[in-house]
Amino acid sequence: MSLIIKNASEYKAKLGVYMFIIYVIIYTGFIVINVASPKSMAIILFAGLNMAIVYGVGLIVLAVIMGLIYNYLCTKKEDELNK
């Protein structure tokens, strides 16, 4: 049983780190745009919303989606290892 827990925890840790790196890269894009060209964040993209709002809400939605994906993949791996 402890071997299964160890395997699942290693998988979960690696997956979490990879997903964190992906999120940090996307978030870094947001920061770079704000630092390099803050006026571009005022560009209206659609429905009267500027880039800052769309990108910011997109980051929040991405975090929730990534959390759901992480939970699904970890649960799947644990079920696979517990058979």
Protein backbone atom coordinates (compact mmCIF):
# COMPACT_ATOMS: atom_id res chain seq x y z
CA MET A 1 0.00 0.00 0.00
CA SER A 2 2.79 2.45 0.83
CA LEU A 3 4.38 1.81 -2.57
CA ILE A 4 1.11 2.80 -4.26
CA ILE A 5 0.90 6.00 -2.21
CA LYS A 6 4.53 6.81 -3.03
CA ASN A 7 3.95 6.30 -6.75
CA ALA A 8 0.81 8.41 -6.71
CA SER A 9 2.50 11.20 -4.77
CA GLU A 10 5.42 11.31 -7.19
CA TYR A 11 3.02 11.48 -10.13
CA LYS A 12 0.95 14.17 -8.44
CA ALA A 13 4.03 16.24 -7.58
CA LYS A 14 5.41 16.09 -11.13
CA LEU A 15 2.02 16.91 -12.64
CA GLY A 16 1.59 19.82 -10.24
CA VAL A 17 5.01 21.23 -11.10
CA TYR A 18 4.38 20.95 -14.85
CA MET A 19 1.00 22.62 -14.57
CA PHE A 20 2.48 25.36 -12.36
CA ILE A 21 5.20 26.04 -14.94
CA ILE A 22 2.59 26.33 -17.70
CA TYR A 23 0.56 28.76 -15.61
CA VAL A 24 3.62 30.83 -14.70
CA ILE A 25 4.58 31.16 -18.37
CA ILE A 26 1.10 32.41 -19.26
CA TYR A 27 1.02 34.74 -16.24
CA THR A 28 4.49 36.05 -17.16
CA GLY A 29 3.03 37.05 -20.53
CA PHE A 30 0.45 39.14 -18.68
CA ILE A 31 3.16 40.83 -16.60
CA VAL A 32 5.42 41.44 -19.60
CA ILE A 33 2.60 43.11 -21.53
CA ASN A 34 1.82 45.32 -18.53
CA VAL A 35 5.45 46.34 -18.10
CA ALA A 36 6.48 46.66 -21.75
CA SER A 37 3.31 48.19 -23.14
CA PRO A 38 0.75 49.11 -20.49
CA LYS A 39 -1.31 51.11 -22.98
CA SER A 40 -1.97 47.95 -24.97
CA MET A 41 -3.96 46.62 -22.02
CA ALA A 42 -6.55 49.32 -22.74
CA ILE A 43 -7.27 47.91 -26.21
CA ILE A 44 -10.89 46.84 -26.46
CA LEU A 45 -11.03 43.20 -27.53
CA PHE A 46 -14.74 42.40 -27.58
CA ALA A 47 -18.03 43.34 -25.94
CA GLY A 48 -16.48 46.53 -24.59
CA LEU A 49 -13.93 44.63 -22.50
CA ASN A 50 -10.30 45.63 -22.63
CA MET A 51 -7.33 43.28 -22.79
CA ALA A 52 -6.57 43.64 -19.07
CA ILE A 53 -10.02 42.38 -18.08
CA VAL A 54 -10.10 39.59 -20.66
CA TYR A 55 -6.57 38.39 -19.83
CA GLY A 56 -7.14 38.68 -16.06
CA VAL A 57 -10.42 36.78 -16.10
CA GLY A 58 -8.84 34.31 -18.50
CA LEU A 59 -6.09 33.65 -15.94
CA ILE A 60 -8.67 32.96 -13.25
CA VAL A 61 -10.67 30.65 -15.52
CA LEU A 62 -7.45 28.90 -16.59
CA ALA A 63 -6.53 28.28 -12.94
CA VAL A 64 -9.93 26.70 -12.26
CA ILE A 65 -9.74 24.54 -15.40
CA MET A 66 -6.20 23.45 -14.57
CA GLY A 67 -7.34 22.54 -11.05
CA LEU A 68 -10.13 20.39 -12.46
CA ILE A 69 -7.73 18.70 -14.90
CA TYR A 70 -5.24 18.09 -12.07
CA ASN A 71 -7.94 16.55 -9.90
CA TYR A 72 -9.19 14.33 -12.74
CA LEU A 73 -5.72 13.08 -13.70
CA CYS A 74 -4.69 12.44 -10.09
CA THR A 75 -7.90 10.57 -9.30
CA LYS A 76 -7.46 8.50 -12.46
CA LYS A 77 -3.86 7.63 -11.51
CA GLU A 78 -4.83 6.71 -7.95
CA ASP A 79 -7.65 4.46 -9.19
CA GLU A 80 -5.24 2.83 -11.64
CA LEU A 81 -2.65 2.17 -8.93
CA ASN A 82 -5.21 0.88 -6.42
CA LYS A 83 -6.51 -1.90 -8.69
